[in-house]
Amino acid sequence: MNISSIKDSISSLGISSNNNLDVKNQGQGSFSNMLKDAIGEVNQAQVEGYNAMEGIVTGKVANLQEAVQRIEEAELSLKLALEVKNKAIAAYKEVARIQA
């Protein structure tokens, strides 16, 4: 997952320092689309990582360093996605606890 694509996705929500979270003007589904895109990027990184592993095992990889780099990128993108999920769940639980 590329950090710049996350920044682009967040900026596409129209959040800036001058306005509050005016969700009404963003259209429906903008958060879900951003989430689907981020999950798609993580999935694509995983597919590339598995393909790189397969290439290493079969000996079809010309550049071993690139293959290892793709595997590491896939691992890091998955770890980042899991941490974001954990933080979102923790925030939801905190809000639910405060409202109770």
N, C-alpha and C. Protein backbone atom coordinates (compact mmCIF):
# COMPACT_ATOMS: atom_id res chain seq x y z
N MET A 1 0.85 -1.16 0.00
CA MET A 1 0.00 0.00 0.00
C MET A 1 0.90 1.22 0.00
N ASN A 2 0.64 2.11 -0.86
CA ASN A 2 1.45 3.29 -1.02
C ASN A 2 0.88 4.42 -0.17
N ILE A 3 1.75 5.09 0.59
CA ILE A 3 1.30 6.16 1.48
C ILE A 3 0.71 7.31 0.69
N SER A 4 1.28 7.61 -0.46
CA SER A 4 0.74 8.71 -1.25
C SER A 4 -0.69 8.41 -1.71
N SER A 5 -1.00 7.13 -1.98
CA SER A 5 -2.37 6.82 -2.38
C SER A 5 -3.34 7.00 -1.22
N ILE A 6 -2.88 6.76 0.00
CA ILE A 6 -3.72 7.01 1.17
C ILE A 6 -3.98 8.50 1.31
N LYS A 7 -2.93 9.31 1.13
CA LYS A 7 -3.10 10.76 1.19
C LYS A 7 -4.06 11.24 0.12
N ASP A 8 -3.93 10.68 -1.09
CA ASP A 8 -4.84 11.06 -2.17
C ASP A 8 -6.27 10.68 -1.84
N SER A 9 -6.45 9.49 -1.24
CA SER A 9 -7.79 9.05 -0.88
C SER A 9 -8.39 9.94 0.19
N ILE A 10 -7.58 10.33 1.16
CA ILE A 10 -8.08 11.20 2.22
C ILE A 10 -8.38 12.58 1.66
N SER A 11 -7.51 13.08 0.78
CA SER A 11 -7.77 14.40 0.22
C SER A 11 -9.00 14.39 -0.68
N SER A 12 -9.32 13.22 -1.27
CA SER A 12 -10.52 13.14 -2.10
C SER A 12 -11.79 13.25 -1.27
N LEU A 13 -11.68 13.05 0.04
CA LEU A 13 -12.85 13.23 0.90
C LEU A 13 -13.18 14.70 1.12
N GLY A 14 -12.26 15.59 0.75
CA GLY A 14 -12.52 17.01 0.87
C GLY A 14 -12.31 17.54 2.27
N ILE A 15 -11.50 16.88 3.07
CA ILE A 15 -11.24 17.33 4.43
C ILE A 15 -10.07 18.30 4.39
N SER A 16 -10.29 19.48 4.90
CA SER A 16 -9.20 20.45 4.99
C SER A 16 -9.27 21.15 6.33
N SER A 17 -8.29 21.99 6.60
CA SER A 17 -8.26 22.65 7.90
C SER A 17 -9.27 23.78 8.00
N ASN A 18 -9.83 24.20 6.86
CA ASN A 18 -10.77 25.33 6.87
C ASN A 18 -12.21 24.92 7.07
N ASN A 19 -12.51 23.65 6.86
CA ASN A 19 -13.91 23.26 7.01
C ASN A 19 -14.02 22.05 7.92
N ASN A 20 -15.20 21.89 8.47
CA ASN A 20 -15.47 20.72 9.29
C ASN A 20 -15.77 19.55 8.38
N LEU A 21 -15.99 18.40 8.94
CA LEU A 21 -16.30 17.22 8.15
C LEU A 21 -17.69 17.35 7.57
N ASP A 22 -17.78 17.97 6.43
CA ASP A 22 -19.06 18.18 5.77
C ASP A 22 -19.35 16.99 4.87
N VAL A 23 -19.87 15.95 5.48
CA VAL A 23 -20.08 14.69 4.79
C VAL A 23 -21.23 14.80 3.79
N LYS A 24 -22.16 15.70 4.01
CA LYS A 24 -23.32 15.81 3.14
C LYS A 24 -22.91 16.13 1.71
N ASN A 25 -21.85 16.92 1.53
CA ASN A 25 -21.43 17.33 0.20
C ASN A 25 -20.51 16.32 -0.47
N GLN A 26 -20.15 15.27 0.20
CA GLN A 26 -19.20 14.31 -0.34
C GLN A 26 -19.86 13.23 -1.19
N GLY A 27 -21.13 13.08 -1.12
CA GLY A 27 -21.80 12.02 -1.86
C GLY A 27 -21.79 10.74 -1.04
N GLN A 28 -22.69 9.88 -1.37
CA GLN A 28 -22.80 8.64 -0.61
C GLN A 28 -21.75 7.65 -1.09
N GLY A 29 -21.21 6.90 -0.14
CA GLY A 29 -20.28 5.84 -0.49
C GLY A 29 -18.84 6.26 -0.61
N SER A 30 -18.49 7.49 -0.33
CA SER A 30 -17.11 7.91 -0.51
C SER A 30 -16.18 7.19 0.46
N PHE A 31 -16.61 6.99 1.70
CA PHE A 31 -15.77 6.27 2.65
C PHE A 31 -15.67 4.80 2.26
N SER A 32 -16.79 4.22 1.85
CA SER A 32 -16.76 2.81 1.45
C SER A 32 -15.90 2.61 0.22
N ASN A 33 -15.94 3.55 -0.72
CA ASN A 33 -15.07 3.45 -1.90
C ASN A 33 -13.60 3.55 -1.52
N MET A 34 -13.29 4.45 -0.60
CA MET A 34 -11.91 4.59 -0.15
C MET A 34 -11.45 3.31 0.53
N LEU A 35 -12.32 2.73 1.33
CA LEU A 35 -11.99 1.49 2.03
C LEU A 35 -11.79 0.34 1.04
N LYS A 36 -12.68 0.24 0.05
CA LYS A 36 -12.54 -0.80 -0.96
C LYS A 36 -11.25 -0.64 -1.75
N ASP A 37 -10.89 0.59 -2.08
CA ASP A 37 -9.65 0.83 -2.81
C ASP A 37 -8.44 0.43 -1.98
N ALA A 38 -8.44 0.78 -0.70
CA ALA A 38 -7.32 0.44 0.17
C ALA A 38 -7.20 -1.08 0.31
N ILE A 39 -8.31 -1.76 0.47
CA ILE A 39 -8.28 -3.22 0.57
C ILE A 39 -7.82 -3.83 -0.75
N GLY A 40 -8.23 -3.24 -1.84
CA GLY A 40 -7.78 -3.71 -3.15
C GLY A 40 -6.27 -3.56 -3.32
N GLU A 41 -5.72 -2.46 -2.83
CA GLU A 41 -4.27 -2.25 -2.90
C GLU A 41 -3.53 -3.27 -2.05
N VAL A 42 -4.04 -3.56 -0.87
CA VAL A 42 -3.42 -4.57 -0.01
C VAL A 42 -3.50 -5.93 -0.70
N ASN A 43 -4.63 -6.24 -1.28
CA ASN A 43 -4.79 -7.51 -1.99
C ASN A 43 -3.80 -7.61 -3.16
N GLN A 44 -3.66 -6.53 -3.91
CA GLN A 44 -2.74 -6.53 -5.04
C GLN A 44 -1.30 -6.74 -4.57
N ALA A 45 -0.93 -6.12 -3.46
CA ALA A 45 0.41 -6.32 -2.91
C ALA A 45 0.61 -7.77 -2.48
N GLN A 46 -0.43 -8.38 -1.91
CA GLN A 46 -0.34 -9.78 -1.51
C GLN A 46 -0.17 -10.68 -2.72
N VAL A 47 -0.91 -10.43 -3.78
CA VAL A 47 -0.80 -11.24 -4.99
C VAL A 47 0.60 -11.12 -5.58
N GLU A 48 1.13 -9.89 -5.63
CA GLU A 48 2.48 -9.70 -6.14
C GLU A 48 3.51 -10.39 -5.25
N GLY A 49 3.30 -10.36 -3.94
CA GLY A 49 4.21 -11.04 -3.02
C GLY A 49 4.19 -12.54 -3.23
N TYR A 50 2.99 -13.12 -3.39
CA TYR A 50 2.89 -14.56 -3.63
C TYR A 50 3.51 -14.94 -4.97
N ASN A 51 3.31 -14.10 -5.98
CA ASN A 51 3.93 -14.36 -7.29
C ASN A 51 5.45 -14.30 -7.19
N ALA A 52 5.96 -13.36 -6.40
CA ALA A 52 7.41 -13.26 -6.21
C ALA A 52 7.94 -14.50 -5.48
N MET A 53 7.20 -14.97 -4.47
CA MET A 53 7.61 -16.19 -3.76
C MET A 53 7.63 -17.38 -4.71
N GLU A 54 6.60 -17.47 -5.53
CA GLU A 54 6.54 -18.57 -6.49
C GLU A 54 7.71 -18.51 -7.47
N GLY A 55 8.04 -17.30 -7.89
CA GLY A 55 9.17 -17.12 -8.80
C GLY A 55 10.50 -17.51 -8.16
N ILE A 56 10.65 -17.23 -6.87
CA ILE A 56 11.87 -17.62 -6.16
C ILE A 56 11.96 -19.13 -6.07
N VAL A 57 10.85 -19.76 -5.72
CA VAL A 57 10.84 -21.21 -5.54
C VAL A 57 11.11 -21.93 -6.87
N THR A 58 10.52 -21.44 -7.95
CA THR A 58 10.68 -22.10 -9.25
C THR A 58 11.96 -21.68 -9.96
N GLY A 59 12.64 -20.66 -9.46
CA GLY A 59 13.88 -20.21 -10.08
C GLY A 59 13.68 -19.32 -11.28
N LYS A 60 12.48 -18.78 -11.45
CA LYS A 60 12.18 -17.95 -12.60
C LYS A 60 12.45 -16.46 -12.36
N VAL A 61 12.95 -16.12 -11.18
CA VAL A 61 13.18 -14.72 -10.84
C VAL A 61 14.56 -14.31 -11.34
N ALA A 62 14.59 -13.22 -12.10
CA ALA A 62 15.86 -12.71 -12.60
C ALA A 62 16.56 -11.87 -11.55
N ASN A 63 15.78 -11.11 -10.77
CA ASN A 63 16.36 -10.24 -9.77
C ASN A 63 15.80 -10.64 -8.41
N LEU A 64 16.61 -11.32 -7.63
CA LEU A 64 16.18 -11.82 -6.33
C LEU A 64 15.84 -10.68 -5.37
N GLN A 65 16.61 -9.59 -5.46
CA GLN A 65 16.37 -8.45 -4.56
C GLN A 65 14.99 -7.85 -4.78
N GLU A 66 14.56 -7.73 -6.03
CA GLU A 66 13.23 -7.19 -6.32
C GLU A 66 12.14 -8.11 -5.77
N ALA A 67 12.34 -9.40 -5.92
CA ALA A 67 11.35 -10.36 -5.43
C ALA A 67 11.21 -10.27 -3.91
N VAL A 68 12.33 -10.20 -3.23
CA VAL A 68 12.30 -10.09 -1.77
C VAL A 68 11.65 -8.77 -1.36
N GLN A 69 11.93 -7.72 -2.11
CA GLN A 69 11.33 -6.41 -1.81
C GLN A 69 9.81 -6.48 -1.95
N ARG A 70 9.30 -7.14 -2.97
CA ARG A 70 7.84 -7.27 -3.15
C ARG A 70 7.22 -8.07 -2.02
N ILE A 71 7.91 -9.10 -1.58
CA ILE A 71 7.40 -9.90 -0.47
C ILE A 71 7.34 -9.05 0.80
N GLU A 72 8.38 -8.25 1.06
CA GLU A 72 8.40 -7.38 2.23
C GLU A 72 7.31 -6.31 2.15
N GLU A 73 7.10 -5.75 0.97
CA GLU A 73 6.04 -4.75 0.79
C GLU A 73 4.67 -5.35 1.08
N ALA A 74 4.47 -6.57 0.62
CA ALA A 74 3.19 -7.25 0.87
C ALA A 74 2.99 -7.47 2.35
N GLU A 75 4.04 -7.90 3.04
CA GLU A 75 3.94 -8.14 4.48
C GLU A 75 3.66 -6.85 5.24
N LEU A 76 4.36 -5.78 4.88
CA LEU A 76 4.15 -4.50 5.57
C LEU A 76 2.77 -3.92 5.29
N SER A 77 2.29 -4.06 4.06
CA SER A 77 0.97 -3.51 3.76
C SER A 77 -0.12 -4.26 4.53
N LEU A 78 0.05 -5.57 4.68
CA LEU A 78 -0.93 -6.33 5.44
C LEU A 78 -0.87 -5.95 6.92
N LYS A 79 0.34 -5.78 7.46
CA LYS A 79 0.47 -5.37 8.87
C LYS A 79 -0.16 -4.00 9.10
N LEU A 80 0.05 -3.08 8.16
CA LEU A 80 -0.54 -1.75 8.28
C LEU A 80 -2.06 -1.83 8.26
N ALA A 81 -2.61 -2.62 7.34
CA ALA A 81 -4.07 -2.77 7.25
C ALA A 81 -4.63 -3.37 8.53
N LEU A 82 -3.94 -4.35 9.11
CA LEU A 82 -4.41 -4.96 10.35
C LEU A 82 -4.36 -3.96 11.51
N GLU A 83 -3.32 -3.15 11.58
CA GLU A 83 -3.23 -2.15 12.64
C GLU A 83 -4.31 -1.09 12.51
N VAL A 84 -4.59 -0.67 11.28
CA VAL A 84 -5.67 0.31 11.06
C VAL A 84 -7.00 -0.29 11.48
N LYS A 85 -7.23 -1.56 11.14
CA LYS A 85 -8.47 -2.24 11.54
C LYS A 85 -8.57 -2.31 13.05
N ASN A 86 -7.48 -2.68 13.72
CA ASN A 86 -7.49 -2.78 15.18
C ASN A 86 -7.77 -1.43 15.83
N LYS A 87 -7.18 -0.37 15.30
CA LYS A 87 -7.42 0.97 15.85
C LYS A 87 -8.86 1.41 15.63
N ALA A 88 -9.42 1.08 14.48
CA ALA A 88 -10.81 1.45 14.21
C ALA A 88 -11.76 0.70 15.14
N ILE A 89 -11.50 -0.57 15.37
CA ILE A 89 -12.34 -1.34 16.29
C ILE A 89 -12.21 -0.81 17.71
N ALA A 90 -10.99 -0.47 18.12
CA ALA A 90 -10.80 0.07 19.47
C ALA A 90 -11.51 1.41 19.62
N ALA A 91 -11.47 2.24 18.60
CA ALA A 91 -12.16 3.53 18.66
C ALA A 91 -13.67 3.32 18.72
N TYR A 92 -14.18 2.37 17.96
CA TYR A 92 -15.62 2.08 17.99
C TYR A 92 -16.05 1.60 19.37
N LYS A 93 -15.26 0.73 19.96
CA LYS A 93 -15.58 0.22 21.28
C LYS A 93 -15.53 1.33 22.33
N GLU A 94 -14.59 2.24 22.18
CA GLU A 94 -14.47 3.36 23.12
C GLU A 94 -15.69 4.27 23.01
N VAL A 95 -16.12 4.55 21.80
CA VAL A 95 -17.30 5.40 21.59
C VAL A 95 -18.53 4.70 22.15
N ALA A 96 -18.65 3.41 21.93
CA ALA A 96 -19.79 2.64 22.45
C ALA A 96 -19.79 2.64 23.97
N ARG A 97 -18.60 2.54 24.56
CA ARG A 97 -18.50 2.54 26.01
C ARG A 97 -18.87 3.90 26.59
N ILE A 98 -18.48 4.96 25.92
CA ILE A 98 -18.79 6.31 26.40
C ILE A 98 -20.30 6.56 26.32
N GLN A 99 -20.96 6.08 25.29
CA GLN A 99 -22.38 6.30 25.12
C GLN A 99 -23.23 5.48 26.08
N ALA A 100 -22.67 4.42 26.60
CA ALA A 100 -23.43 3.54 27.48
C ALA A 100 -23.61 4.10 28.87
